[in-house]
Amino acid sequence: SLQNDKEVVLVAVKYFAESLGFASESLRNDREVVLAAVKSNGASLECASESFRNDREVVSVAVANEKNIKDNIATSLALQCASESLRDDKEVVLAAVTNDGKS
């Protein structure tokens, strides 16, 4: 199926990061696919497997590429989806609060 076709999913998440949620479970557990999605829009971390929510590199990329801006205030869904330990990580939090949504 297309949901399990890595090439199709990589193209999909590049243009619509939230399509990660429609990918197969195995592709939501694929580092390359998840990184492509969070580079496109960090909010897609919500659709990634739990293990990536505790992955410092993935979460850092996600918060740096957050495009969930409301009333000029970043509402970092990516940071909210991160594991508790990464929500307490100074560098990750700084990346989230300095993101201007134009990445």
Protein backbone atom coordinates (compact mmCIF):
# COMPACT_ATOMS: atom_id res chain seq x y z
CA SER A 1 0.00 0.00 0.00
CA LEU A 2 1.02 3.62 -0.42
CA GLN A 3 1.06 4.05 3.37
CA ASN A 4 3.96 1.62 3.50
CA ASP A 5 5.82 2.93 0.44
CA LYS A 6 8.81 4.85 1.83
CA GLU A 7 9.45 6.79 -1.38
CA VAL A 8 5.82 7.99 -1.55
CA VAL A 9 5.72 8.88 2.15
CA LEU A 10 8.99 10.84 1.93
CA VAL A 11 7.57 12.98 -0.89
CA ALA A 12 4.28 13.40 0.98
CA VAL A 13 5.85 14.59 4.24
CA LYS A 14 8.08 17.02 2.37
CA TYR A 15 5.02 18.91 1.12
CA PHE A 16 2.53 18.12 3.89
CA ALA A 17 4.35 17.05 7.05
CA GLU A 18 1.18 16.03 8.83
CA SER A 19 0.74 13.24 6.28
CA LEU A 20 3.13 11.34 8.52
CA GLY A 21 0.03 10.45 10.52
CA PHE A 22 -1.27 8.46 7.54
CA ALA A 23 1.95 6.50 7.07
CA SER A 24 2.26 2.93 8.24
CA GLU A 25 3.47 2.30 11.76
CA SER A 26 6.78 1.02 10.43
CA LEU A 27 7.39 4.28 8.54
CA ARG A 28 6.39 6.36 11.59
CA ASN A 29 9.25 4.44 13.22
CA ASP A 30 11.67 5.20 10.37
CA ARG A 31 14.25 7.86 11.30
CA GLU A 32 14.67 9.19 7.74
CA VAL A 33 10.90 9.61 7.28
CA VAL A 34 10.38 11.25 10.69
CA LEU A 35 13.30 13.66 10.18
CA ALA A 36 11.93 14.64 6.76
CA ALA A 37 8.53 15.34 8.32
CA VAL A 38 9.80 17.40 11.25
CA LYS A 39 12.09 19.37 8.93
CA SER A 40 9.01 20.27 6.91
CA ASN A 41 6.99 21.18 10.01
CA GLY A 42 7.98 20.37 13.57
CA ALA A 43 4.34 19.91 14.58
CA SER A 44 4.41 16.57 12.77
CA LEU A 45 6.32 15.19 15.76
CA GLU A 46 2.85 14.54 17.13
CA CYS A 47 2.46 11.79 14.49
CA ALA A 48 5.85 10.18 15.05
CA SER A 49 6.38 7.09 17.15
CA GLU A 50 6.95 7.56 20.87
CA SER A 51 10.65 6.71 20.59
CA PHE A 52 11.29 9.79 18.45
CA ARG A 53 9.63 12.03 21.02
CA ASN A 54 12.54 11.13 23.28
CA ASP A 55 15.18 11.52 20.56
CA ARG A 56 17.13 14.74 21.17
CA GLU A 57 18.11 15.24 17.52
CA VAL A 58 14.58 14.70 16.20
CA VAL A 59 12.98 16.94 18.84
CA SER A 60 15.59 19.67 18.29
CA VAL A 61 14.89 19.65 14.55
CA ALA A 62 11.15 19.66 15.23
CA VAL A 63 11.14 22.65 17.58
CA ALA A 64 13.44 24.58 15.23
CA ASN A 65 11.01 24.00 12.36
CA GLU A 66 7.74 24.60 14.19
CA LYS A 67 5.23 26.37 11.98
CA ASN A 68 2.34 26.41 14.44
CA ILE A 69 2.12 30.17 14.96
CA LYS A 70 -0.94 31.86 16.40
CA ASP A 71 -1.19 35.58 17.06
CA ASN A 72 2.61 35.90 16.70
CA ILE A 73 3.14 33.51 19.60
CA ALA A 74 4.67 30.14 18.85
CA THR A 75 2.52 27.45 20.36
CA SER A 76 5.08 24.71 20.14
CA LEU A 77 3.19 21.51 19.54
CA ALA A 78 6.55 19.87 18.87
CA LEU A 79 7.78 20.79 22.34
CA GLN A 80 4.51 19.62 23.88
CA CYS A 81 4.94 16.25 22.13
CA ALA A 82 8.52 15.81 23.30
CA SER A 83 9.31 13.55 26.22
CA GLU A 84 9.36 15.12 29.67
CA SER A 85 13.14 14.92 29.87
CA LEU A 86 13.53 16.82 26.58
CA ARG A 87 10.94 19.42 27.63
CA ASP A 88 13.34 20.09 30.52
CA ASP A 89 16.39 20.27 28.22
CA LYS A 90 17.68 23.86 28.11
CA GLU A 91 18.90 23.71 24.49
CA VAL A 92 15.67 22.18 23.21
CA VAL A 93 13.54 24.75 25.03
CA LEU A 94 15.71 27.63 23.80
CA ALA A 95 15.35 26.38 20.22
CA ALA A 96 11.58 26.34 20.67
CA VAL A 97 11.26 29.82 22.15
CA THR A 98 13.61 31.43 19.64
CA ASN A 99 11.85 29.94 16.62
CA ASP A 100 10.06 32.67 14.73
CA GLY A 101 8.00 30.34 12.55
CA LYS A 102 9.84 31.30 9.36
CA SER A 103 12.23 28.33 9.28
